[in-house]
Amino acid sequence: MRHLVDGKPETELRRYLEHVRFPARKDQVVHAARQGGAPNELIQNLERVTVNEFGNADEVIEAYGTMD
């Protein structure tokens, strides 16, 4: 199982992206995560991502950062 750079399992972020309609802007992704009840740390990390447009959830995960 892959983990995000903050140590959380990748599946945790994916759960908050389930209702995002891609392609999506970063602000839409952040809003969806916030509406889905994502923890503040995850929201703050999403806000720091430098990519502003995503074609799918995998691109969000890649931009957020993972570690194997």
PDB file of N, CA and C in Angstrom:
ATOM      1  N   MET A   1       0.840  -1.178   0.000  1.00  0.00           N
ATOM      2  CA  MET A   1       0.000   0.000   0.000  1.00  0.00           C
ATOM      3  C   MET A   1       0.888   1.245   0.000  1.00  0.00           C
ATOM      4  N   ARG A   2       0.572   2.157  -0.901  1.00  0.00           N
ATOM      5  CA  ARG A   2       1.318   3.412  -0.948  1.00  0.00           C
ATOM      6  C   ARG A   2       0.779   4.377   0.099  1.00  0.00           C
ATOM      7  N   HIS A   3       1.670   5.238   0.555  1.00  0.00           N
ATOM      8  CA  HIS A   3       1.301   6.247   1.534  1.00  0.00           C
ATOM      9  C   HIS A   3       1.609   7.627   0.982  1.00  0.00           C
ATOM     10  N   LEU A   4       0.842   8.593   1.423  1.00  0.00           N
ATOM     11  CA  LEU A   4       1.077   9.981   1.060  1.00  0.00           C
ATOM     12  C   LEU A   4       2.297  10.483   1.810  1.00  0.00           C
ATOM     13  N   VAL A   5       2.844  11.602   1.369  1.00  0.00           N
ATOM     14  CA  VAL A   5       4.039  12.133   2.016  1.00  0.00           C
ATOM     15  C   VAL A   5       3.807  12.473   3.486  1.00  0.00           C
ATOM     16  N   ASP A   6       2.565  12.686   3.884  1.00  0.00           N
ATOM     17  CA  ASP A   6       2.286  12.969   5.292  1.00  0.00           C
ATOM     18  C   ASP A   6       2.060  11.694   6.104  1.00  0.00           C
ATOM     19  N   GLY A   7       2.269  10.523   5.465  1.00  0.00           N
ATOM     20  CA  GLY A   7       2.182   9.244   6.156  1.00  0.00           C
ATOM     21  C   GLY A   7       0.823   8.571   6.109  1.00  0.00           C
ATOM     22  N   LYS A   8      -0.198   9.285   5.666  1.00  0.00           N
ATOM     23  CA  LYS A   8      -1.539   8.696   5.582  1.00  0.00           C
ATOM     24  C   LYS A   8      -1.603   7.749   4.381  1.00  0.00           C
ATOM     25  N   PRO A   9      -2.448   6.728   4.444  1.00  0.00           N
ATOM     26  CA  PRO A   9      -2.599   5.850   3.286  1.00  0.00           C
ATOM     27  C   PRO A   9      -3.212   6.620   2.111  1.00  0.00           C
ATOM     28  N   GLU A  10      -2.749   6.312   0.927  1.00  0.00           N
ATOM     29  CA  GLU A  10      -3.247   6.951  -0.295  1.00  0.00           C
ATOM     30  C   GLU A  10      -4.770   6.841  -0.392  1.00  0.00           C
ATOM     31  N   THR A  11      -5.311   5.742   0.096  1.00  0.00           N
ATOM     32  CA  THR A  11      -6.753   5.528   0.009  1.00  0.00           C
ATOM     33  C   THR A  11      -7.541   6.584   0.780  1.00  0.00           C
ATOM     34  N   GLU A  12      -6.931   7.181   1.795  1.00  0.00           N
ATOM     35  CA  GLU A  12      -7.635   8.219   2.559  1.00  0.00           C
ATOM     36  C   GLU A  12      -7.925   9.429   1.679  1.00  0.00           C
ATOM     37  N   LEU A  13      -6.931   9.884   0.921  1.00  0.00           N
ATOM     38  CA  LEU A  13      -7.156  11.013   0.020  1.00  0.00           C
ATOM     39  C   LEU A  13      -8.128  10.621  -1.088  1.00  0.00           C
ATOM     40  N   ARG A  14      -7.969   9.439  -1.634  1.00  0.00           N
ATOM     41  CA  ARG A  14      -8.869   8.987  -2.704  1.00  0.00           C
ATOM     42  C   ARG A  14     -10.339   9.024  -2.260  1.00  0.00           C
ATOM     43  N   ARG A  15     -10.584   8.699  -1.006  1.00  0.00           N
ATOM     44  CA  ARG A  15     -11.950   8.707  -0.478  1.00  0.00           C
ATOM     45  C   ARG A  15     -12.578  10.098  -0.609  1.00  0.00           C
ATOM     46  N   TYR A  16     -11.788  11.140  -0.403  1.00  0.00           N
ATOM     47  CA  TYR A  16     -12.311  12.503  -0.483  1.00  0.00           C
ATOM     48  C   TYR A  16     -12.407  13.008  -1.919  1.00  0.00           C
ATOM     49  N   LEU A  17     -11.867  12.249  -2.861  1.00  0.00           N
ATOM     50  CA  LEU A  17     -11.905  12.645  -4.273  1.00  0.00           C
ATOM     51  C   LEU A  17     -12.996  11.922  -5.050  1.00  0.00           C
ATOM     52  N   GLU A  18     -13.725  11.028  -4.398  1.00  0.00           N
ATOM     53  CA  GLU A  18     -14.723  10.204  -5.082  1.00  0.00           C
ATOM     54  C   GLU A  18     -15.789  11.014  -5.815  1.00  0.00           C
ATOM     55  N   HIS A  19     -16.150  12.156  -5.285  1.00  0.00           N
ATOM     56  CA  HIS A  19     -17.245  12.926  -5.872  1.00  0.00           C
ATOM     57  C   HIS A  19     -16.773  14.109  -6.719  1.00  0.00           C
ATOM     58  N   VAL A  20     -15.466  14.182  -6.944  1.00  0.00           N
ATOM     59  CA  VAL A  20     -14.931  15.253  -7.786  1.00  0.00           C
ATOM     60  C   VAL A  20     -15.177  14.895  -9.242  1.00  0.00           C
ATOM     61  N   ARG A  21     -15.688  15.852  -9.988  1.00  0.00           N
ATOM     62  CA  ARG A  21     -15.892  15.654 -11.429  1.00  0.00           C
ATOM     63  C   ARG A  21     -14.659  16.187 -12.150  1.00  0.00           C
ATOM     64  N   PHE A  22     -13.901  15.280 -12.714  1.00  0.00           N
ATOM     65  CA  PHE A  22     -12.671  15.644 -13.431  1.00  0.00           C
ATOM     66  C   PHE A  22     -12.977  15.845 -14.898  1.00  0.00           C
ATOM     67  N   PRO A  23     -12.231  16.722 -15.566  1.00  0.00           N
ATOM     68  CA  PRO A  23     -11.128  17.520 -15.032  1.00  0.00           C
ATOM     69  C   PRO A  23     -11.639  18.533 -14.015  1.00  0.00           C
ATOM     70  N   ALA A  24     -10.735  18.878 -13.070  1.00  0.00           N
ATOM     71  CA  ALA A  24     -11.113  19.789 -11.988  1.00  0.00           C
ATOM     72  C   ALA A  24      -9.945  20.704 -11.648  1.00  0.00           C
ATOM     73  N   ARG A  25     -10.301  21.904 -11.226  1.00  0.00           N
ATOM     74  CA  ARG A  25      -9.292  22.848 -10.741  1.00  0.00           C
ATOM     75  C   ARG A  25      -8.959  22.505  -9.288  1.00  0.00           C
ATOM     76  N   LYS A  26      -7.808  22.991  -8.849  1.00  0.00           N
ATOM     77  CA  LYS A  26      -7.371  22.723  -7.482  1.00  0.00           C
ATOM     78  C   LYS A  26      -8.414  23.202  -6.469  1.00  0.00           C
ATOM     79  N   ASP A  27      -8.986  24.379  -6.687  1.00  0.00           N
ATOM     80  CA  ASP A  27      -9.966  24.880  -5.718  1.00  0.00           C
ATOM     81  C   ASP A  27     -11.191  23.965  -5.640  1.00  0.00           C
ATOM     82  N   GLN A  28     -11.557  23.335  -6.736  1.00  0.00           N
ATOM     83  CA  GLN A  28     -12.683  22.394  -6.721  1.00  0.00           C
ATOM     84  C   GLN A  28     -12.328  21.136  -5.934  1.00  0.00           C
ATOM     85  N   VAL A  29     -11.094  20.681  -6.086  1.00  0.00           N
ATOM     86  CA  VAL A  29     -10.628  19.498  -5.355  1.00  0.00           C
ATOM     87  C   VAL A  29     -10.601  19.790  -3.856  1.00  0.00           C
ATOM     88  N   VAL A  30     -10.056  20.950  -3.495  1.00  0.00           N
ATOM     89  CA  VAL A  30      -9.992  21.342  -2.088  1.00  0.00           C
ATOM     90  C   VAL A  30     -11.406  21.463  -1.515  1.00  0.00           C
ATOM     91  N   HIS A  31     -12.293  22.082  -2.254  1.00  0.00           N
ATOM     92  CA  HIS A  31     -13.678  22.251  -1.799  1.00  0.00           C
ATOM     93  C   HIS A  31     -14.347  20.893  -1.575  1.00  0.00           C
ATOM     94  N   ALA A  32     -14.165  19.974  -2.507  1.00  0.00           N
ATOM     95  CA  ALA A  32     -14.772  18.643  -2.380  1.00  0.00           C
ATOM     96  C   ALA A  32     -14.220  17.911  -1.160  1.00  0.00           C
ATOM     97  N   ALA A  33     -12.928  18.014  -0.937  1.00  0.00           N
ATOM     98  CA  ALA A  33     -12.329  17.359   0.228  1.00  0.00           C
ATOM     99  C   ALA A  33     -12.870  17.972   1.519  1.00  0.00           C
ATOM    100  N   ARG A  34     -12.971  19.289   1.539  1.00  0.00           N
ATOM    101  CA  ARG A  34     -13.502  19.979   2.713  1.00  0.00           C
ATOM    102  C   ARG A  34     -14.954  19.554   2.977  1.00  0.00           C
ATOM    103  N   GLN A  35     -15.762  19.538   1.924  1.00  0.00           N
ATOM    104  CA  GLN A  35     -17.170  19.144   2.045  1.00  0.00           C
ATOM    105  C   GLN A  35     -17.299  17.688   2.491  1.00  0.00           C
ATOM    106  N   GLY A  36     -16.333  16.869   2.104  1.00  0.00           N
ATOM    107  CA  GLY A  36     -16.359  15.458   2.475  1.00  0.00           C
ATOM    108  C   GLY A  36     -15.853  15.179   3.878  1.00  0.00           C
ATOM    109  N   GLY A  37     -15.423  16.231   4.589  1.00  0.00           N
ATOM    110  CA  GLY A  37     -14.979  16.054   5.966  1.00  0.00           C
ATOM    111  C   GLY A  37     -13.517  15.700   6.125  1.00  0.00           C
ATOM    112  N   ALA A  38     -12.696  16.014   5.128  1.00  0.00           N
ATOM    113  CA  ALA A  38     -11.266  15.712   5.214  1.00  0.00           C
ATOM    114  C   ALA A  38     -10.636  16.459   6.390  1.00  0.00           C
ATOM    115  N   PRO A  39      -9.642  15.858   7.028  1.00  0.00           N
ATOM    116  CA  PRO A  39      -8.965  16.525   8.145  1.00  0.00           C
ATOM    117  C   PRO A  39      -8.264  17.806   7.668  1.00  0.00           C
ATOM    118  N   ASN A  40      -8.115  18.756   8.576  1.00  0.00           N
ATOM    119  CA  ASN A  40      -7.488  20.043   8.246  1.00  0.00           C
ATOM    120  C   ASN A  40      -6.096  19.873   7.644  1.00  0.00           C
ATOM    121  N   GLU A  41      -5.303  18.948   8.161  1.00  0.00           N
ATOM    122  CA  GLU A  41      -3.949  18.728   7.651  1.00  0.00           C
ATOM    123  C   GLU A  41      -3.983  18.344   6.168  1.00  0.00           C
ATOM    124  N   LEU A  42      -4.903  17.483   5.805  1.00  0.00           N
ATOM    125  CA  LEU A  42      -5.027  17.064   4.414  1.00  0.00           C
ATOM    126  C   LEU A  42      -5.452  18.243   3.533  1.00  0.00           C
ATOM    127  N   ILE A  43      -6.382  19.054   4.008  1.00  0.00           N
ATOM    128  CA  ILE A  43      -6.826  20.242   3.266  1.00  0.00           C
ATOM    129  C   ILE A  43      -5.656  21.200   3.072  1.00  0.00           C
ATOM    130  N   GLN A  44      -4.915  21.457   4.126  1.00  0.00           N
ATOM    131  CA  GLN A  44      -3.772  22.372   4.033  1.00  0.00           C
ATOM    132  C   GLN A  44      -2.731  21.864   3.045  1.00  0.00           C
ATOM    133  N   ASN A  45      -2.485  20.568   3.050  1.00  0.00           N
ATOM    134  CA  ASN A  45      -1.524  20.002   2.106  1.00  0.00           C
ATOM    135  C   ASN A  45      -2.030  20.104   0.673  1.00  0.00           C
ATOM    136  N   LEU A  46      -3.318  19.891   0.458  1.00  0.00           N
ATOM    137  CA  LEU A  46      -3.880  20.062  -0.884  1.00  0.00           C
ATOM    138  C   LEU A  46      -3.729  21.514  -1.348  1.00  0.00           C
ATOM    139  N   GLU A  47      -3.935  22.450  -0.453  1.00  0.00           N
ATOM    140  CA  GLU A  47      -3.817  23.867  -0.807  1.00  0.00           C
ATOM    141  C   GLU A  47      -2.382  24.232  -1.200  1.00  0.00           C
ATOM    142  N   ARG A  48      -1.401  23.500  -0.702  1.00  0.00           N
ATOM    143  CA  ARG A  48       0.014  23.759  -1.018  1.00  0.00           C
ATOM    144  C   ARG A  48       0.459  23.151  -2.355  1.00  0.00           C
ATOM    145  N   VAL A  49      -0.345  22.267  -2.902  1.00  0.00           N
ATOM    146  CA  VAL A  49      -0.002  21.637  -4.179  1.00  0.00           C
ATOM    147  C   VAL A  49       0.149  22.729  -5.242  1.00  0.00           C
ATOM    148  N   THR A  50       1.190  22.625  -6.066  1.00  0.00           N
ATOM    149  CA  THR A  50       1.470  23.671  -7.050  1.00  0.00           C
ATOM    150  C   THR A  50       0.732  23.486  -8.372  1.00  0.00           C
ATOM    151  N   VAL A  51       0.139  22.321  -8.581  1.00  0.00           N
ATOM    152  CA  VAL A  51      -0.618  22.062  -9.806  1.00  0.00           C
ATOM    153  C   VAL A  51      -2.004  22.677  -9.648  1.00  0.00           C
ATOM    154  N   ASN A  52      -2.510  23.303 -10.707  1.00  0.00           N
ATOM    155  CA  ASN A  52      -3.801  23.987 -10.607  1.00  0.00           C
ATOM    156  C   ASN A  52      -4.936  23.309 -11.352  1.00  0.00           C
ATOM    157  N   GLU A  53      -4.646  22.266 -12.125  1.00  0.00           N
ATOM    158  CA  GLU A  53      -5.697  21.564 -12.876  1.00  0.00           C
ATOM    159  C   GLU A  53      -5.356  20.078 -12.901  1.00  0.00           C
ATOM    160  N   PHE A  54      -6.381  19.261 -12.704  1.00  0.00           N
ATOM    161  CA  PHE A  54      -6.189  17.816 -12.648  1.00  0.00           C
ATOM    162  C   PHE A  54      -7.147  17.119 -13.597  1.00  0.00           C
ATOM    163  N   GLY A  55      -6.629  16.113 -14.296  1.00  0.00           N
ATOM    164  CA  GLY A  55      -7.453  15.335 -15.206  1.00  0.00           C
ATOM    165  C   GLY A  55      -8.149  14.173 -14.534  1.00  0.00           C
ATOM    166  N   ASN A  56      -7.591  13.729 -13.396  1.00  0.00           N
ATOM    167  CA  ASN A  56      -8.170  12.595 -12.671  1.00  0.00           C
ATOM    168  C   ASN A  56      -7.580  12.532 -11.266  1.00  0.00           C
ATOM    169  N   ALA A  57      -8.082  11.607 -10.466  1.00  0.00           N
ATOM    170  CA  ALA A  57      -7.635  11.475  -9.078  1.00  0.00           C
ATOM    171  C   ALA A  57      -6.163  11.091  -8.986  1.00  0.00           C
ATOM    172  N   ASP A  58      -5.675  10.297  -9.936  1.00  0.00           N
ATOM    173  CA  ASP A  58      -4.264   9.906  -9.921  1.00  0.00           C
ATOM    174  C   ASP A  58      -3.347  11.123 -10.012  1.00  0.00           C
ATOM    175  N   GLU A  59      -3.746  12.125 -10.786  1.00  0.00           N
ATOM    176  CA  GLU A  59      -2.945  13.337 -10.905  1.00  0.00           C
ATOM    177  C   GLU A  59      -2.927  14.120  -9.591  1.00  0.00           C
ATOM    178  N   VAL A  60      -4.026  14.090  -8.862  1.00  0.00           N
ATOM    179  CA  VAL A  60      -4.061  14.744  -7.549  1.00  0.00           C
ATOM    180  C   VAL A  60      -3.106  14.035  -6.594  1.00  0.00           C
ATOM    181  N   ILE A  61      -3.172  12.706  -6.583  1.00  0.00           N
ATOM    182  CA  ILE A  61      -2.295  11.901  -5.721  1.00  0.00           C
ATOM    183  C   ILE A  61      -0.840  12.179  -6.058  1.00  0.00           C
ATOM    184  N   GLU A  62      -0.513  12.208  -7.332  1.00  0.00           N
ATOM    185  CA  GLU A  62       0.868  12.451  -7.762  1.00  0.00           C
ATOM    186  C   GLU A  62       1.342  13.829  -7.291  1.00  0.00           C
ATOM    187  N   ALA A  63       0.502  14.843  -7.461  1.00  0.00           N
ATOM    188  CA  ALA A  63       0.876  16.196  -7.058  1.00  0.00           C
ATOM    189  C   ALA A  63       0.987  16.321  -5.547  1.00  0.00           C
ATOM    190  N   TYR A  64       0.130  15.628  -4.811  1.00  0.00           N
ATOM    191  CA  TYR A  64       0.154  15.648  -3.345  1.00  0.00           C
ATOM    192  C   TYR A  64       1.455  15.028  -2.847  1.00  0.00           C
ATOM    193  N   GLY A  65       1.851  13.972  -3.507  1.00  0.00           N
ATOM    194  CA  GLY A  65       3.111  13.305  -3.167  1.00  0.00           C
ATOM    195  C   GLY A  65       2.888  12.013  -2.420  1.00  0.00           C
ATOM    196  N   THR A  66       3.637  10.999  -2.807  1.00  0.00           N
ATOM    197  CA  THR A  66       3.547   9.689  -2.159  1.00  0.00           C
ATOM    198  C   THR A  66       4.929   9.180  -1.843  1.00  0.00           C
ATOM    199  N   MET A  67       4.961   8.182  -0.989  1.00  0.00           N
ATOM    200  CA  MET A  67       6.198   7.457  -0.687  1.00  0.00           C
ATOM    201  C   MET A  67       5.849   5.988  -0.652  1.00  0.00           C
ATOM    202  N   ASP A  68       6.727   5.180  -1.155  1.00  0.00           N
ATOM    203  CA  ASP A  68       6.465   3.729  -1.173  1.00  0.00           C
ATOM    204  C   ASP A  68       6.931   3.068   0.093  1.00  0.00           C
TER     205      ASP A  68
END
